Amino acid sequence: MPPFTFTIDLKSRKTLERPSNLENERKRRDRLYIIAEILTIAKGGCLKTQIMYRANLSFAQLNEYLSFLIKMDLLKVKNENRRNMYKTTGKGEKYLEKYKDLANLLGNNERNP
């Protein structure tokens, strides 16, 4: 039996695009950007899994960020219909405003969450 072989046509490979339009040209997200992204996602209130998928975070990363954001009073948890809903607080809204101001000042307009 001949050995199994296969070829890869590199010319026809498609580049994978992130589902989030928030990541335009960034290859690596910094902590402040991820925090802004989570707070933007949670503005109207959403579930943990929704934040995880929209922010493209692992479960462990998500738990770390959520704990930090709740501790810093940027995010609050409300139990609705036996489900934990996460919502951005007033302090979180201020963070987003300041983050956008700083991004604009530095000329990173396309990176605003």
PDB file of N, CA and C in Angstrom:
ATOM      1  N   MET A   1       0.847  -1.174   0.000  1.00  0.00           N
ATOM      2  CA  MET A   1       0.000   0.000   0.000  1.00  0.00           C
ATOM      3  C   MET A   1       0.897   1.244   0.000  1.00  0.00           C
ATOM      4  N   PRO A   2       0.683   2.165  -0.942  1.00  0.00           N
ATOM      5  CA  PRO A   2       1.529   3.360  -0.998  1.00  0.00           C
ATOM      6  C   PRO A   2       1.243   4.284   0.179  1.00  0.00           C
ATOM      7  N   PRO A   3       2.253   5.059   0.580  1.00  0.00           N
ATOM      8  CA  PRO A   3       2.025   5.987   1.700  1.00  0.00           C
ATOM      9  C   PRO A   3       1.009   7.054   1.325  1.00  0.00           C
ATOM     10  N   PHE A   4       0.298   7.502   2.323  1.00  0.00           N
ATOM     11  CA  PHE A   4      -0.732   8.528   2.128  1.00  0.00           C
ATOM     12  C   PHE A   4      -0.067   9.877   1.881  1.00  0.00           C
ATOM     13  N   THR A   5      -0.447  10.557   0.817  1.00  0.00           N
ATOM     14  CA  THR A   5       0.093  11.887   0.520  1.00  0.00           C
ATOM     15  C   THR A   5      -1.042  12.837   0.209  1.00  0.00           C
ATOM     16  N   PHE A   6      -0.799  14.094   0.423  1.00  0.00           N
ATOM     17  CA  PHE A   6      -1.777  15.109   0.070  1.00  0.00           C
ATOM     18  C   PHE A   6      -1.039  16.395  -0.244  1.00  0.00           C
ATOM     19  N   THR A   7      -1.703  17.265  -0.966  1.00  0.00           N
ATOM     20  CA  THR A   7      -1.103  18.554  -1.315  1.00  0.00           C
ATOM     21  C   THR A   7      -2.027  19.670  -0.861  1.00  0.00           C
ATOM     22  N   ILE A   8      -1.427  20.796  -0.601  1.00  0.00           N
ATOM     23  CA  ILE A   8      -2.197  21.973  -0.200  1.00  0.00           C
ATOM     24  C   ILE A   8      -1.956  23.055  -1.244  1.00  0.00           C
ATOM     25  N   ASP A   9      -3.021  23.544  -1.794  1.00  0.00           N
ATOM     26  CA  ASP A   9      -2.921  24.630  -2.763  1.00  0.00           C
ATOM     27  C   ASP A   9      -2.946  25.948  -1.995  1.00  0.00           C
ATOM     28  N   LEU A  10      -1.780  26.538  -1.786  1.00  0.00           N
ATOM     29  CA  LEU A  10      -1.675  27.754  -0.990  1.00  0.00           C
ATOM     30  C   LEU A  10      -2.310  28.959  -1.671  1.00  0.00           C
ATOM     31  N   LYS A  11      -2.421  28.922  -2.984  1.00  0.00           N
ATOM     32  CA  LYS A  11      -2.997  30.059  -3.699  1.00  0.00           C
ATOM     33  C   LYS A  11      -4.496  30.187  -3.458  1.00  0.00           C
ATOM     34  N   SER A  12      -5.166  29.087  -3.228  1.00  0.00           N
ATOM     35  CA  SER A  12      -6.618  29.130  -3.068  1.00  0.00           C
ATOM     36  C   SER A  12      -7.056  29.263  -1.614  1.00  0.00           C
ATOM     37  N   ARG A  13      -6.086  29.302  -0.692  1.00  0.00           N
ATOM     38  CA  ARG A  13      -6.444  29.437   0.723  1.00  0.00           C
ATOM     39  C   ARG A  13      -7.096  30.784   0.979  1.00  0.00           C
ATOM     40  N   LYS A  14      -8.149  30.758   1.741  1.00  0.00           N
ATOM     41  CA  LYS A  14      -8.837  31.994   2.095  1.00  0.00           C
ATOM     42  C   LYS A  14      -8.377  32.436   3.471  1.00  0.00           C
ATOM     43  N   THR A  15      -8.320  33.738   3.652  1.00  0.00           N
ATOM     44  CA  THR A  15      -7.979  34.231   4.983  1.00  0.00           C
ATOM     45  C   THR A  15      -9.238  34.249   5.830  1.00  0.00           C
ATOM     46  N   LEU A  16      -9.094  33.854   7.065  1.00  0.00           N
ATOM     47  CA  LEU A  16     -10.224  33.844   7.983  1.00  0.00           C
ATOM     48  C   LEU A  16     -10.398  35.230   8.567  1.00  0.00           C
ATOM     49  N   GLU A  17     -11.607  35.707   8.570  1.00  0.00           N
ATOM     50  CA  GLU A  17     -11.884  37.014   9.137  1.00  0.00           C
ATOM     51  C   GLU A  17     -12.621  36.850  10.446  1.00  0.00           C
ATOM     52  N   ARG A  18     -12.307  37.722  11.398  1.00  0.00           N
ATOM     53  CA  ARG A  18     -12.995  37.703  12.685  1.00  0.00           C
ATOM     54  C   ARG A  18     -14.425  38.152  12.486  1.00  0.00           C
ATOM     55  N   PRO A  19     -15.357  37.578  13.208  1.00  0.00           N
ATOM     56  CA  PRO A  19     -16.748  38.005  13.083  1.00  0.00           C
ATOM     57  C   PRO A  19     -16.984  39.402  13.645  1.00  0.00           C
ATOM     58  N   SER A  20     -16.114  39.847  14.527  1.00  0.00           N
ATOM     59  CA  SER A  20     -16.287  41.154  15.149  1.00  0.00           C
ATOM     60  C   SER A  20     -15.698  42.232  14.263  1.00  0.00           C
ATOM     61  N   ASN A  21     -16.472  43.258  13.961  1.00  0.00           N
ATOM     62  CA  ASN A  21     -15.946  44.356  13.172  1.00  0.00           C
ATOM     63  C   ASN A  21     -15.169  45.334  14.044  1.00  0.00           C
ATOM     64  N   LEU A  22     -15.031  45.039  15.321  1.00  0.00           N
ATOM     65  CA  LEU A  22     -14.330  45.923  16.244  1.00  0.00           C
ATOM     66  C   LEU A  22     -12.821  45.762  16.146  1.00  0.00           C
ATOM     67  N   GLU A  23     -12.356  44.727  15.509  1.00  0.00           N
ATOM     68  CA  GLU A  23     -10.948  44.388  15.497  1.00  0.00           C
ATOM     69  C   GLU A  23     -10.258  44.763  14.193  1.00  0.00           C
ATOM     70  N   ASN A  24     -10.739  45.720  13.477  1.00  0.00           N
ATOM     71  CA  ASN A  24     -10.317  46.025  12.117  1.00  0.00           C
ATOM     72  C   ASN A  24      -8.910  45.568  11.748  1.00  0.00           C
ATOM     73  N   GLU A  25      -7.895  46.289  12.158  1.00  0.00           N
ATOM     74  CA  GLU A  25      -6.549  45.980  11.718  1.00  0.00           C
ATOM     75  C   GLU A  25      -5.660  45.482  12.843  1.00  0.00           C
ATOM     76  N   ARG A  26      -6.187  45.303  14.017  1.00  0.00           N
ATOM     77  CA  ARG A  26      -5.383  44.870  15.152  1.00  0.00           C
ATOM     78  C   ARG A  26      -5.112  43.387  15.070  1.00  0.00           C
ATOM     79  N   LYS A  27      -3.903  43.025  15.397  1.00  0.00           N
ATOM     80  CA  LYS A  27      -3.571  41.614  15.441  1.00  0.00           C
ATOM     81  C   LYS A  27      -3.595  41.111  16.870  1.00  0.00           C
ATOM     82  N   ARG A  28      -3.213  41.965  17.793  1.00  0.00           N
ATOM     83  CA  ARG A  28      -3.192  41.585  19.198  1.00  0.00           C
ATOM     84  C   ARG A  28      -3.928  42.669  19.989  1.00  0.00           C
ATOM     85  N   ARG A  29      -4.885  42.244  20.782  1.00  0.00           N
ATOM     86  CA  ARG A  29      -5.670  43.197  21.556  1.00  0.00           C
ATOM     87  C   ARG A  29      -5.032  43.418  22.913  1.00  0.00           C
ATOM     88  N   ASP A  30      -5.007  44.652  23.352  1.00  0.00           N
ATOM     89  CA  ASP A  30      -4.489  44.917  24.687  1.00  0.00           C
ATOM     90  C   ASP A  30      -5.625  44.834  25.706  1.00  0.00           C
ATOM     91  N   ARG A  31      -5.255  44.823  26.968  1.00  0.00           N
ATOM     92  CA  ARG A  31      -6.221  44.645  28.059  1.00  0.00           C
ATOM     93  C   ARG A  31      -7.285  45.742  28.066  1.00  0.00           C
ATOM     94  N   LEU A  32      -6.868  46.991  27.863  1.00  0.00           N
ATOM     95  CA  LEU A  32      -7.821  48.107  27.883  1.00  0.00           C
ATOM     96  C   LEU A  32      -8.830  48.001  26.745  1.00  0.00           C
ATOM     97  N   TYR A  33      -8.378  47.524  25.596  1.00  0.00           N
ATOM     98  CA  TYR A  33      -9.270  47.352  24.450  1.00  0.00           C
ATOM     99  C   TYR A  33     -10.297  46.251  24.738  1.00  0.00           C
ATOM    100  N   ILE A  34      -9.852  45.152  25.305  1.00  0.00           N
ATOM    101  CA  ILE A  34     -10.763  44.041  25.617  1.00  0.00           C
ATOM    102  C   ILE A  34     -11.806  44.487  26.635  1.00  0.00           C
ATOM    103  N   ILE A  35     -11.369  45.261  27.628  1.00  0.00           N
ATOM    104  CA  ILE A  35     -12.311  45.790  28.619  1.00  0.00           C
ATOM    105  C   ILE A  35     -13.351  46.667  27.933  1.00  0.00           C
ATOM    106  N   ALA A  36     -12.904  47.546  27.038  1.00  0.00           N
ATOM    107  CA  ALA A  36     -13.833  48.416  26.310  1.00  0.00           C
ATOM    108  C   ALA A  36     -14.787  47.594  25.455  1.00  0.00           C
ATOM    109  N   GLU A  37     -14.283  46.539  24.851  1.00  0.00           N
ATOM    110  CA  GLU A  37     -15.121  45.678  24.021  1.00  0.00           C
ATOM    111  C   GLU A  37     -16.202  44.992  24.858  1.00  0.00           C
ATOM    112  N   ILE A  38     -15.826  44.455  26.021  1.00  0.00           N
ATOM    113  CA  ILE A  38     -16.789  43.794  26.912  1.00  0.00           C
ATOM    114  C   ILE A  38     -17.852  44.790  27.370  1.00  0.00           C
ATOM    115  N   LEU A  39     -17.418  45.985  27.772  1.00  0.00           N
ATOM    116  CA  LEU A  39     -18.364  46.997  28.250  1.00  0.00           C
ATOM    117  C   LEU A  39     -19.311  47.443  27.136  1.00  0.00           C
ATOM    118  N   THR A  40     -18.823  47.519  25.924  1.00  0.00           N
ATOM    119  CA  THR A  40     -19.674  47.879  24.781  1.00  0.00           C
ATOM    120  C   THR A  40     -20.710  46.789  24.527  1.00  0.00           C
ATOM    121  N   ILE A  41     -20.278  45.544  24.572  1.00  0.00           N
ATOM    122  CA  ILE A  41     -21.180  44.412  24.352  1.00  0.00           C
ATOM    123  C   ILE A  41     -22.268  44.380  25.421  1.00  0.00           C
ATOM    124  N   ALA A  42     -21.910  44.682  26.661  1.00  0.00           N
ATOM    125  CA  ALA A  42     -22.839  44.557  27.791  1.00  0.00           C
ATOM    126  C   ALA A  42     -23.669  45.813  28.040  1.00  0.00           C
ATOM    127  N   LYS A  43     -23.611  46.795  27.163  1.00  0.00           N
ATOM    128  CA  LYS A  43     -24.367  48.034  27.374  1.00  0.00           C
ATOM    129  C   LYS A  43     -25.853  47.778  27.601  1.00  0.00           C
ATOM    130  N   GLY A  44     -26.446  46.954  26.800  1.00  0.00           N
ATOM    131  CA  GLY A  44     -27.871  46.685  26.916  1.00  0.00           C
ATOM    132  C   GLY A  44     -28.195  45.518  27.822  1.00  0.00           C
ATOM    133  N   GLY A  45     -27.169  44.886  28.359  1.00  0.00           N
ATOM    134  CA  GLY A  45     -27.352  43.709  29.195  1.00  0.00           C
ATOM    135  C   GLY A  45     -27.302  42.449  28.357  1.00  0.00           C
ATOM    136  N   CYS A  46     -26.501  41.498  28.749  1.00  0.00           N
ATOM    137  CA  CYS A  46     -26.442  40.230  28.022  1.00  0.00           C
ATOM    138  C   CYS A  46     -25.881  39.119  28.901  1.00  0.00           C
ATOM    139  N   LEU A  47     -25.972  37.918  28.395  1.00  0.00           N
ATOM    140  CA  LEU A  47     -25.515  36.735  29.114  1.00  0.00           C
ATOM    141  C   LEU A  47     -24.010  36.544  28.963  1.00  0.00           C
ATOM    142  N   LYS A  48     -23.462  35.763  29.866  1.00  0.00           N
ATOM    143  CA  LYS A  48     -22.030  35.485  29.871  1.00  0.00           C
ATOM    144  C   LYS A  48     -21.566  34.879  28.536  1.00  0.00           C
ATOM    145  N   THR A  49     -22.319  33.918  28.033  1.00  0.00           N
ATOM    146  CA  THR A  49     -21.913  33.264  26.777  1.00  0.00           C
ATOM    147  C   THR A  49     -21.943  34.242  25.607  1.00  0.00           C
ATOM    148  N   GLN A  50     -22.879  35.164  25.613  1.00  0.00           N
ATOM    149  CA  GLN A  50     -22.934  36.158  24.545  1.00  0.00           C
ATOM    150  C   GLN A  50     -21.683  37.032  24.562  1.00  0.00           C
ATOM    151  N   ILE A  51     -21.270  37.434  25.748  1.00  0.00           N
ATOM    152  CA  ILE A  51     -20.051  38.245  25.870  1.00  0.00           C
ATOM    153  C   ILE A  51     -18.852  37.430  25.398  1.00  0.00           C
ATOM    154  N   MET A  52     -18.777  36.176  25.822  1.00  0.00           N
ATOM    155  CA  MET A  52     -17.655  35.317  25.476  1.00  0.00           C
ATOM    156  C   MET A  52     -17.497  35.195  23.961  1.00  0.00           C
ATOM    157  N   TYR A  53     -18.601  34.918  23.269  1.00  0.00           N
ATOM    158  CA  TYR A  53     -18.532  34.734  21.819  1.00  0.00           C
ATOM    159  C   TYR A  53     -18.298  36.047  21.075  1.00  0.00           C
ATOM    160  N   ARG A  54     -18.977  37.102  21.469  1.00  0.00           N
ATOM    161  CA  ARG A  54     -18.814  38.385  20.773  1.00  0.00           C
ATOM    162  C   ARG A  54     -17.426  38.984  20.982  1.00  0.00           C
ATOM    163  N   ALA A  55     -16.856  38.803  22.166  1.00  0.00           N
ATOM    164  CA  ALA A  55     -15.528  39.353  22.458  1.00  0.00           C
ATOM    165  C   ALA A  55     -14.415  38.374  22.079  1.00  0.00           C
ATOM    166  N   ASN A  56     -14.797  37.194  21.636  1.00  0.00           N
ATOM    167  CA  ASN A  56     -13.841  36.164  21.232  1.00  0.00           C
ATOM    168  C   ASN A  56     -12.840  35.852  22.351  1.00  0.00           C
ATOM    169  N   LEU A  57     -13.372  35.500  23.508  1.00  0.00           N
ATOM    170  CA  LEU A  57     -12.548  35.166  24.662  1.00  0.00           C
ATOM    171  C   LEU A  57     -12.803  33.726  25.073  1.00  0.00           C
ATOM    172  N   SER A  58     -11.804  33.108  25.681  1.00  0.00           N
ATOM    173  CA  SER A  58     -12.008  31.774  26.240  1.00  0.00           C
ATOM    174  C   SER A  58     -12.826  31.924  27.522  1.00  0.00           C
ATOM    175  N   PHE A  59     -13.335  30.802  28.012  1.00  0.00           N
ATOM    176  CA  PHE A  59     -14.140  30.834  29.227  1.00  0.00           C
ATOM    177  C   PHE A  59     -13.309  31.332  30.414  1.00  0.00           C
ATOM    178  N   ALA A  60     -12.062  30.873  30.498  1.00  0.00           N
ATOM    179  CA  ALA A  60     -11.179  31.288  31.601  1.00  0.00           C
ATOM    180  C   ALA A  60     -10.877  32.785  31.519  1.00  0.00           C
ATOM    181  N   GLN A  61     -10.575  33.280  30.319  1.00  0.00           N
ATOM    182  CA  GLN A  61     -10.309  34.708  30.139  1.00  0.00           C
ATOM    183  C   GLN A  61     -11.533  35.528  30.522  1.00  0.00           C
ATOM    184  N   LEU A  62     -12.682  35.088  30.056  1.00  0.00           N
ATOM    185  CA  LEU A  62     -13.919  35.800  30.325  1.00  0.00           C
ATOM    186  C   LEU A  62     -14.159  35.918  31.825  1.00  0.00           C
ATOM    187  N   ASN A  63     -14.023  34.814  32.546  1.00  0.00           N
ATOM    188  CA  ASN A  63     -14.240  34.842  33.993  1.00  0.00           C
ATOM    189  C   ASN A  63     -13.289  35.809  34.688  1.00  0.00           C
ATOM    190  N   GLU A  64     -12.051  35.840  34.229  1.00  0.00           N
ATOM    191  CA  GLU A  64     -11.071  36.762  34.801  1.00  0.00           C
ATOM    192  C   GLU A  64     -11.496  38.219  34.573  1.00  0.00           C
ATOM    193  N   TYR A  65     -11.872  38.537  33.348  1.00  0.00           N
ATOM    194  CA  TYR A  65     -12.297  39.906  33.030  1.00  0.00           C
ATOM    195  C   TYR A  65     -13.576  40.284  33.763  1.00  0.00           C
ATOM    196  N   LEU A  66     -14.550  39.386  33.795  1.00  0.00           N
ATOM    197  CA  LEU A  66     -15.810  39.701  34.461  1.00  0.00           C
ATOM    198  C   LEU A  66     -15.602  39.943  35.947  1.00  0.00           C
ATOM    199  N   SER A  67     -14.793  39.119  36.577  1.00  0.00           N
ATOM    200  CA  SER A  67     -14.504  39.316  38.009  1.00  0.00           C
ATOM    201  C   SER A  67     -13.880  40.684  38.242  1.00  0.00           C
ATOM    202  N   PHE A  68     -12.913  41.037  37.409  1.00  0.00           N
ATOM    203  CA  PHE A  68     -12.237  42.326  37.543  1.00  0.00           C
ATOM    204  C   PHE A  68     -13.208  43.484  37.323  1.00  0.00           C
ATOM    205  N   LEU A  69     -14.013  43.401  36.269  1.00  0.00           N
ATOM    206  CA  LEU A  69     -14.938  44.494  35.938  1.00  0.00           C
ATOM    207  C   LEU A  69     -16.015  44.675  37.000  1.00  0.00           C
ATOM    208  N   ILE A  70     -16.486  43.585  37.578  1.00  0.00           N
ATOM    209  CA  ILE A  70     -17.485  43.666  38.649  1.00  0.00           C
ATOM    210  C   ILE A  70     -16.841  44.263  39.897  1.00  0.00           C
ATOM    211  N   LYS A  71     -15.630  43.817  40.213  1.00  0.00           N
ATOM    212  CA  LYS A  71     -14.915  44.331  41.379  1.00  0.00           C
ATOM    213  C   LYS A  71     -14.658  45.836  41.250  1.00  0.00           C
ATOM    214  N   MET A  72     -14.377  46.294  40.038  1.00  0.00           N
ATOM    215  CA  MET A  72     -14.095  47.712  39.799  1.00  0.00           C
ATOM    216  C   MET A  72     -15.376  48.525  39.570  1.00  0.00           C
ATOM    217  N   ASP A  73     -16.538  47.890  39.661  1.00  0.00           N
ATOM    218  CA  ASP A  73     -17.841  48.526  39.481  1.00  0.00           C
ATOM    219  C   ASP A  73     -18.026  49.117  38.076  1.00  0.00           C
ATOM    220  N   LEU A  74     -17.443  48.441  37.081  1.00  0.00           N
ATOM    221  CA  LEU A  74     -17.646  48.840  35.695  1.00  0.00           C
ATOM    222  C   LEU A  74     -18.767  48.010  35.066  1.00  0.00           C
ATOM    223  N   LEU A  75     -19.064  46.899  35.706  1.00  0.00           N
ATOM    224  CA  LEU A  75     -20.072  45.965  35.228  1.00  0.00           C
ATOM    225  C   LEU A  75     -20.865  45.476  36.431  1.00  0.00           C
ATOM    226  N   LYS A  76     -22.159  45.233  36.230  1.00  0.00           N
ATOM    227  CA  LYS A  76     -22.970  44.683  37.319  1.00  0.00           C
ATOM    228  C   LYS A  76     -23.674  43.426  36.835  1.00  0.00           C
ATOM    229  N   VAL A  77     -24.015  42.574  37.794  1.00  0.00           N
ATOM    230  CA  VAL A  77     -24.718  41.328  37.493  1.00  0.00           C
ATOM    231  C   VAL A  77     -26.107  41.428  38.083  1.00  0.00           C
ATOM    232  N   LYS A  78     -27.093  41.096  37.282  1.00  0.00           N
ATOM    233  CA  LYS A  78     -28.475  41.106  37.747  1.00  0.00           C
ATOM    234  C   LYS A  78     -29.101  39.764  37.400  1.00  0.00           C
ATOM    235  N   ASN A  79     -29.760  39.154  38.356  1.00  0.00           N
ATOM    236  CA  ASN A  79     -30.387  37.860  38.126  1.00  0.00           C
ATOM    237  C   ASN A  79     -31.790  38.077  37.563  1.00  0.00           C
ATOM    238  N   GLU A  80     -31.993  37.675  36.319  1.00  0.00           N
ATOM    239  CA  GLU A  80     -33.295  37.777  35.662  1.00  0.00           C
ATOM    240  C   GLU A  80     -33.710  36.394  35.177  1.00  0.00           C
ATOM    241  N   ASN A  81     -34.861  35.937  35.614  1.00  0.00           N
ATOM    242  CA  ASN A  81     -35.370  34.616  35.223  1.00  0.00           C
ATOM    243  C   ASN A  81     -34.343  33.511  35.465  1.00  0.00           C
ATOM    244  N   ARG A  82     -33.711  33.565  36.611  1.00  0.00           N
ATOM    245  CA  ARG A  82     -32.700  32.601  37.026  1.00  0.00           C
ATOM    246  C   ARG A  82     -31.478  32.577  36.112  1.00  0.00           C
ATOM    247  N   ARG A  83     -31.220  33.680  35.438  1.00  0.00           N
ATOM    248  CA  ARG A  83     -30.033  33.810  34.584  1.00  0.00           C
ATOM    249  C   ARG A  83     -29.301  35.081  34.964  1.00  0.00           C
ATOM    250  N   ASN A  84     -27.988  35.022  34.993  1.00  0.00           N
ATOM    251  CA  ASN A  84     -27.190  36.203  35.315  1.00  0.00           C
ATOM    252  C   ASN A  84     -27.014  37.072  34.069  1.00  0.00           C
ATOM    253  N   MET A  85     -27.522  38.282  34.158  1.00  0.00           N
ATOM    254  CA  MET A  85     -27.372  39.244  33.071  1.00  0.00           C
ATOM    255  C   MET A  85     -26.288  40.241  33.467  1.00  0.00           C
ATOM    256  N   TYR A  86     -25.391  40.515  32.558  1.00  0.00           N
ATOM    257  CA  TYR A  86     -24.298  41.453  32.809  1.00  0.00           C
ATOM    258  C   TYR A  86     -24.604  42.752  32.084  1.00  0.00           C
ATOM    259  N   LYS A  87     -24.454  43.865  32.809  1.00  0.00           N
ATOM    260  CA  LYS A  87     -24.792  45.171  32.250  1.00  0.00           C
ATOM    261  C   LYS A  87     -23.734  46.186  32.656  1.00  0.00           C
ATOM    262  N   THR A  88     -23.372  47.045  31.713  1.00  0.00           N
ATOM    263  CA  THR A  88     -22.398  48.102  31.962  1.00  0.00           C
ATOM    264  C   THR A  88     -22.993  49.132  32.922  1.00  0.00           C
ATOM    265  N   THR A  89     -22.222  49.533  33.919  1.00  0.00           N
ATOM    266  CA  THR A  89     -22.667  50.534  34.896  1.00  0.00           C
ATOM    267  C   THR A  89     -22.370  51.943  34.373  1.00  0.00           C
ATOM    268  N   GLY A  90     -22.785  52.933  35.139  1.00  0.00           N
ATOM    269  CA  GLY A  90     -22.481  54.323  34.798  1.00  0.00           C
ATOM    270  C   GLY A  90     -20.979  54.559  34.762  1.00  0.00           C
ATOM    271  N   LYS A  91     -20.279  53.964  35.701  1.00  0.00           N
ATOM    272  CA  LYS A  91     -18.819  54.078  35.737  1.00  0.00           C
ATOM    273  C   LYS A  91     -18.207  53.416  34.494  1.00  0.00           C
ATOM    274  N   GLY A  92     -18.815  52.322  34.057  1.00  0.00           N
ATOM    275  CA  GLY A  92     -18.370  51.642  32.838  1.00  0.00           C
ATOM    276  C   GLY A  92     -18.581  52.507  31.605  1.00  0.00           C
ATOM    277  N   GLU A  93     -19.707  53.218  31.576  1.00  0.00           N
ATOM    278  CA  GLU A  93     -19.988  54.149  30.466  1.00  0.00           C
ATOM    279  C   GLU A  93     -18.928  55.251  30.424  1.00  0.00           C
ATOM    280  N   LYS A  94     -18.527  55.746  31.600  1.00  0.00           N
ATOM    281  CA  LYS A  94     -17.486  56.773  31.667  1.00  0.00           C
ATOM    282  C   LYS A  94     -16.161  56.223  31.136  1.00  0.00           C
ATOM    283  N   TYR A  95     -15.864  54.970  31.486  1.00  0.00           N
ATOM    284  CA  TYR A  95     -14.649  54.326  30.984  1.00  0.00           C
ATOM    285  C   TYR A  95     -14.667  54.323  29.459  1.00  0.00           C
ATOM    286  N   LEU A  96     -15.806  53.940  28.870  1.00  0.00           N
ATOM    287  CA  LEU A  96     -15.907  53.893  27.409  1.00  0.00           C
ATOM    288  C   LEU A  96     -15.697  55.265  26.780  1.00  0.00           C
ATOM    289  N   GLU A  97     -16.280  56.296  27.390  1.00  0.00           N
ATOM    290  CA  GLU A  97     -16.096  57.660  26.882  1.00  0.00           C
ATOM    291  C   GLU A  97     -14.624  58.044  26.908  1.00  0.00           C
ATOM    292  N   LYS A  98     -13.968  57.810  28.032  1.00  0.00           N
ATOM    293  CA  LYS A  98     -12.553  58.164  28.183  1.00  0.00           C
ATOM    294  C   LYS A  98     -11.675  57.328  27.247  1.00  0.00           C
ATOM    295  N   TYR A  99     -12.025  56.072  27.081  1.00  0.00           N
ATOM    296  CA  TYR A  99     -11.263  55.211  26.177  1.00  0.00           C
ATOM    297  C   TYR A  99     -11.359  55.725  24.739  1.00  0.00           C
ATOM    298  N   LYS A 100     -12.565  56.097  24.333  1.00  0.00           N
ATOM    299  CA  LYS A 100     -12.750  56.630  22.977  1.00  0.00           C
ATOM    300  C   LYS A 100     -12.013  57.950  22.798  1.00  0.00           C
ATOM    301  N   ASP A 101     -12.060  58.812  23.820  1.00  0.00           N
ATOM    302  CA  ASP A 101     -11.330  60.083  23.758  1.00  0.00           C
ATOM    303  C   ASP A 101      -9.831  59.834  23.578  1.00  0.00           C
ATOM    304  N   LEU A 102      -9.298  58.909  24.333  1.00  0.00           N
ATOM    305  CA  LEU A 102      -7.877  58.600  24.254  1.00  0.00           C
ATOM    306  C   LEU A 102      -7.522  58.002  22.888  1.00  0.00           C
ATOM    307  N   ALA A 103      -8.354  57.101  22.396  1.00  0.00           N
ATOM    308  CA  ALA A 103      -8.114  56.498  21.084  1.00  0.00           C
ATOM    309  C   ALA A 103      -8.146  57.572  19.996  1.00  0.00           C
ATOM    310  N   ASN A 104      -9.085  58.520  20.091  1.00  0.00           N
ATOM    311  CA  ASN A 104      -9.160  59.616  19.122  1.00  0.00           C
ATOM    312  C   ASN A 104      -7.923  60.502  19.213  1.00  0.00           C
ATOM    313  N   LEU A 105      -7.484  60.792  20.421  1.00  0.00           N
ATOM    314  CA  LEU A 105      -6.308  61.620  20.641  1.00  0.00           C
ATOM    315  C   LEU A 105      -5.068  60.980  20.013  1.00  0.00           C
ATOM    316  N   LEU A 106      -4.973  59.669  20.114  1.00  0.00           N
ATOM    317  CA  LEU A 106      -3.817  58.956  19.584  1.00  0.00           C
ATOM    318  C   LEU A 106      -3.962  58.632  18.098  1.00  0.00           C
ATOM    319  N   GLY A 107      -5.105  59.003  17.515  1.00  0.00           N
ATOM    320  CA  GLY A 107      -5.305  58.766  16.083  1.00  0.00           C
ATOM    321  C   GLY A 107      -5.736  57.361  15.733  1.00  0.00           C
ATOM    322  N   ASN A 108      -6.354  56.670  16.657  1.00  0.00           N
ATOM    323  CA  ASN A 108      -6.812  55.302  16.414  1.00  0.00           C
ATOM    324  C   ASN A 108      -8.317  55.271  16.256  1.00  0.00           C
ATOM    325  N   ASN A 109      -8.856  56.140  15.429  1.00  0.00           N
ATOM    326  CA  ASN A 109     -10.305  56.254  15.278  1.00  0.00           C
ATOM    327  C   ASN A 109     -10.980  54.961  14.858  1.00  0.00           C
ATOM    328  N   GLU A 110     -10.327  54.180  14.014  1.00  0.00           N
ATOM    329  CA  GLU A 110     -10.951  52.970  13.525  1.00  0.00           C
ATOM    330  C   GLU A 110     -10.962  51.853  14.555  1.00  0.00           C
ATOM    331  N   ARG A 111     -10.305  52.037  15.669  1.00  0.00           N
ATOM    332  CA  ARG A 111     -10.229  50.988  16.689  1.00  0.00           C
ATOM    333  C   ARG A 111     -11.211  51.185  17.826  1.00  0.00           C
ATOM    334  N   ASN A 112     -12.081  52.134  17.720  1.00  0.00           N
ATOM    335  CA  ASN A 112     -13.065  52.367  18.794  1.00  0.00           C
ATOM    336  C   ASN A 112     -14.053  51.223  18.849  1.00  0.00           C
ATOM    337  N   PRO A 113     -14.286  50.684  20.040  1.00  0.00           N
ATOM    338  CA  PRO A 113     -15.300  49.633  20.146  1.00  0.00           C
ATOM    339  C   PRO A 113     -16.699  50.215  20.043  1.00  0.00           C
TER     340      PRO A 113
END
